[in-house]
Amino acid sequence: MAMSSKTLLRLRSPIAVYVRSMTKGDPGSGAGEGGGTGGAIRDAGGSFGKREMAQEEQYFRKLQQEQLEKLRAGLKQEVKFHKEQIKAHEEALKRHTERLRSLKED
């Protein structure tokens, strides 16, 4: 079963940060030194490899921040919806209670 690209991104962000912190050497310092095989620039190491690594980290931090903002907005919308539902149910309960009282009095 193949995973969707969204699932892979959700899985990659926290795991990639954890795995990168466990490698030896400086990130982006070249193949075999902790930089891994992240492409030609990162394999070469040096300042370009470090810059590439920093840009990649920044991209994933920004992506994670955007995902958190979307999650917060969605949850706020759900809270608002449920509060409106509670209000509507309370009004309906009040109407039905009043109707019951009027039927008992007759």
C-alpha atoms as a PDB file:
ATOM      1  CA  MET A   1       0.000   0.000   0.000  1.00  0.00           C
ATOM      2  CA  ALA A   2       1.515   3.329  -1.084  1.00  0.00           C
ATOM      3  CA  MET A   3       1.328   6.375   1.183  1.00  0.00           C
ATOM      4  CA  SER A   4       0.112   9.717  -0.075  1.00  0.00           C
ATOM      5  CA  SER A   5       2.526  12.619  -0.237  1.00  0.00           C
ATOM      6  CA  LYS A   6       0.663  14.392   2.597  1.00  0.00           C
ATOM      7  CA  THR A   7       1.104  11.359   4.833  1.00  0.00           C
ATOM      8  CA  LEU A   8       4.798  11.194   4.005  1.00  0.00           C
ATOM      9  CA  LEU A   9       5.258  14.889   4.846  1.00  0.00           C
ATOM     10  CA  ARG A  10       3.498  14.462   8.177  1.00  0.00           C
ATOM     11  CA  LEU A  11       5.681  11.489   8.968  1.00  0.00           C
ATOM     12  CA  ARG A  12       8.916  13.002   7.678  1.00  0.00           C
ATOM     13  CA  SER A  13       8.992  16.269   9.614  1.00  0.00           C
ATOM     14  CA  PRO A  14       9.345  15.056  13.228  1.00  0.00           C
ATOM     15  CA  ILE A  15      11.200  11.869  12.345  1.00  0.00           C
ATOM     16  CA  ALA A  16      13.688  13.574  10.038  1.00  0.00           C
ATOM     17  CA  VAL A  17      14.610  16.111  12.711  1.00  0.00           C
ATOM     18  CA  TYR A  18      15.124  13.328  15.262  1.00  0.00           C
ATOM     19  CA  VAL A  19      17.233  11.176  12.942  1.00  0.00           C
ATOM     20  CA  ARG A  20      19.362  14.105  11.811  1.00  0.00           C
ATOM     21  CA  SER A  21      20.195  14.951  15.392  1.00  0.00           C
ATOM     22  CA  MET A  22      21.487  11.414  15.925  1.00  0.00           C
ATOM     23  CA  THR A  23      23.978  11.444  13.047  1.00  0.00           C
ATOM     24  CA  LYS A  24      27.633  12.174  13.648  1.00  0.00           C
ATOM     25  CA  GLY A  25      29.333  15.180  12.128  1.00  0.00           C
ATOM     26  CA  ASP A  26      27.808  18.477  11.116  1.00  0.00           C
ATOM     27  CA  PRO A  27      24.716  18.442   8.939  1.00  0.00           C
ATOM     28  CA  GLY A  28      25.555  19.311   5.350  1.00  0.00           C
ATOM     29  CA  SER A  29      29.248  18.569   5.814  1.00  0.00           C
ATOM     30  CA  GLY A  30      29.355  16.026   2.987  1.00  0.00           C
ATOM     31  CA  ALA A  31      28.641  12.358   2.403  1.00  0.00           C
ATOM     32  CA  GLY A  32      29.862  10.080   5.134  1.00  0.00           C
ATOM     33  CA  GLU A  33      30.176  12.939   7.616  1.00  0.00           C
ATOM     34  CA  GLY A  34      26.536  13.155   8.721  1.00  0.00           C
ATOM     35  CA  GLY A  35      25.352  15.028   5.656  1.00  0.00           C
ATOM     36  CA  GLY A  36      24.317  11.814   3.951  1.00  0.00           C
ATOM     37  CA  THR A  37      23.300  11.629   0.341  1.00  0.00           C
ATOM     38  CA  GLY A  38      20.938  14.578   0.196  1.00  0.00           C
ATOM     39  CA  GLY A  39      21.877  15.605  -3.331  1.00  0.00           C
ATOM     40  CA  ALA A  40      24.950  16.815  -5.181  1.00  0.00           C
ATOM     41  CA  ILE A  41      25.313  20.044  -3.212  1.00  0.00           C
ATOM     42  CA  ARG A  42      25.018  18.393   0.189  1.00  0.00           C
ATOM     43  CA  ASP A  43      27.306  15.550  -0.870  1.00  0.00           C
ATOM     44  CA  ALA A  44      30.007  18.060  -1.754  1.00  0.00           C
ATOM     45  CA  GLY A  45      29.893  19.444   1.777  1.00  0.00           C
ATOM     46  CA  GLY A  46      31.397  22.774   2.715  1.00  0.00           C
ATOM     47  CA  SER A  47      29.456  25.996   3.064  1.00  0.00           C
ATOM     48  CA  PHE A  48      27.058  25.178   0.237  1.00  0.00           C
ATOM     49  CA  GLY A  49      26.123  21.886   1.898  1.00  0.00           C
ATOM     50  CA  LYS A  50      25.555  23.611   5.218  1.00  0.00           C
ATOM     51  CA  ARG A  51      23.481  26.306   3.537  1.00  0.00           C
ATOM     52  CA  GLU A  52      21.373  23.666   1.767  1.00  0.00           C
ATOM     53  CA  MET A  53      20.792  21.893   5.077  1.00  0.00           C
ATOM     54  CA  ALA A  54      19.772  25.145   6.773  1.00  0.00           C
ATOM     55  CA  GLN A  55      17.329  25.943   3.972  1.00  0.00           C
ATOM     56  CA  GLU A  56      15.829  22.470   4.211  1.00  0.00           C
ATOM     57  CA  GLU A  57      15.393  22.803   7.974  1.00  0.00           C
ATOM     58  CA  GLN A  58      13.796  26.225   7.510  1.00  0.00           C
ATOM     59  CA  TYR A  59      11.401  24.815   4.901  1.00  0.00           C
ATOM     60  CA  PHE A  60      10.233  22.044   7.215  1.00  0.00           C
ATOM     61  CA  ARG A  61       9.851  24.396  10.189  1.00  0.00           C
ATOM     62  CA  LYS A  62       7.726  26.701   8.031  1.00  0.00           C
ATOM     63  CA  LEU A  63       5.675  23.758   6.740  1.00  0.00           C
ATOM     64  CA  GLN A  64       5.095  22.494  10.267  1.00  0.00           C
ATOM     65  CA  GLN A  65       4.068  25.996  11.409  1.00  0.00           C
ATOM     66  CA  GLU A  66       1.556  26.238   8.547  1.00  0.00           C
ATOM     67  CA  GLN A  67       0.131  22.825   9.458  1.00  0.00           C
ATOM     68  CA  LEU A  68      -0.261  23.903  13.085  1.00  0.00           C
ATOM     69  CA  GLU A  69      -2.035  27.109  12.047  1.00  0.00           C
ATOM     70  CA  LYS A  70      -4.466  25.130   9.875  1.00  0.00           C
ATOM     71  CA  LEU A  71      -5.103  22.735  12.746  1.00  0.00           C
ATOM     72  CA  ARG A  72      -5.764  25.619  15.164  1.00  0.00           C
ATOM     73  CA  ALA A  73      -8.128  27.307  12.716  1.00  0.00           C
ATOM     74  CA  GLY A  74     -10.022  24.064  12.160  1.00  0.00           C
ATOM     75  CA  LEU A  75     -10.356  23.414  15.872  1.00  0.00           C
ATOM     76  CA  LYS A  76     -11.556  26.968  16.527  1.00  0.00           C
ATOM     77  CA  GLN A  77     -14.197  26.506  13.824  1.00  0.00           C
ATOM     78  CA  GLU A  78     -15.324  23.220  15.418  1.00  0.00           C
ATOM     79  CA  VAL A  79     -15.583  24.841  18.861  1.00  0.00           C
ATOM     80  CA  LYS A  80     -17.676  27.654  17.387  1.00  0.00           C
ATOM     81  CA  PHE A  81     -19.957  25.148  15.624  1.00  0.00           C
ATOM     82  CA  HIS A  82     -20.496  23.097  18.783  1.00  0.00           C
ATOM     83  CA  LYS A  83     -21.246  26.193  20.867  1.00  0.00           C
ATOM     84  CA  GLU A  84     -23.883  27.193  18.304  1.00  0.00           C
ATOM     85  CA  GLN A  85     -25.329  23.681  18.466  1.00  0.00           C
ATOM     86  CA  ILE A  86     -25.478  23.827  22.270  1.00  0.00           C
ATOM     87  CA  LYS A  87     -27.322  27.139  22.087  1.00  0.00           C
ATOM     88  CA  ALA A  88     -29.823  25.758  19.559  1.00  0.00           C
ATOM     89  CA  HIS A  89     -30.413  22.642  21.694  1.00  0.00           C
ATOM     90  CA  GLU A  90     -30.892  24.717  24.847  1.00  0.00           C
ATOM     91  CA  GLU A  91     -33.487  26.870  23.043  1.00  0.00           C
ATOM     92  CA  ALA A  92     -35.289  23.759  21.782  1.00  0.00           C
ATOM     93  CA  LEU A  93     -35.232  22.254  25.276  1.00  0.00           C
ATOM     94  CA  LYS A  94     -36.709  25.441  26.707  1.00  0.00           C
ATOM     95  CA  ARG A  95     -39.500  25.444  24.080  1.00  0.00           C
ATOM     96  CA  HIS A  96     -40.346  21.788  24.714  1.00  0.00           C
ATOM     97  CA  THR A  97     -40.331  22.301  28.491  1.00  0.00           C
ATOM     98  CA  GLU A  98     -42.720  25.235  28.155  1.00  0.00           C
ATOM     99  CA  ARG A  99     -44.968  23.179  25.905  1.00  0.00           C
ATOM    100  CA  LEU A 100     -45.007  20.329  28.436  1.00  0.00           C
ATOM    101  CA  ARG A 101     -45.993  22.766  31.205  1.00  0.00           C
ATOM    102  CA  SER A 102     -48.817  24.158  29.097  1.00  0.00           C
ATOM    103  CA  LEU A 103     -50.108  20.623  28.402  1.00  0.00           C
ATOM    104  CA  LYS A 104     -50.066  19.724  32.139  1.00  0.00           C
ATOM    105  CA  GLU A 105     -52.134  22.805  33.010  1.00  0.00           C
ATOM    106  CA  ASP A 106     -54.932  21.936  30.608  1.00  0.00           C
END
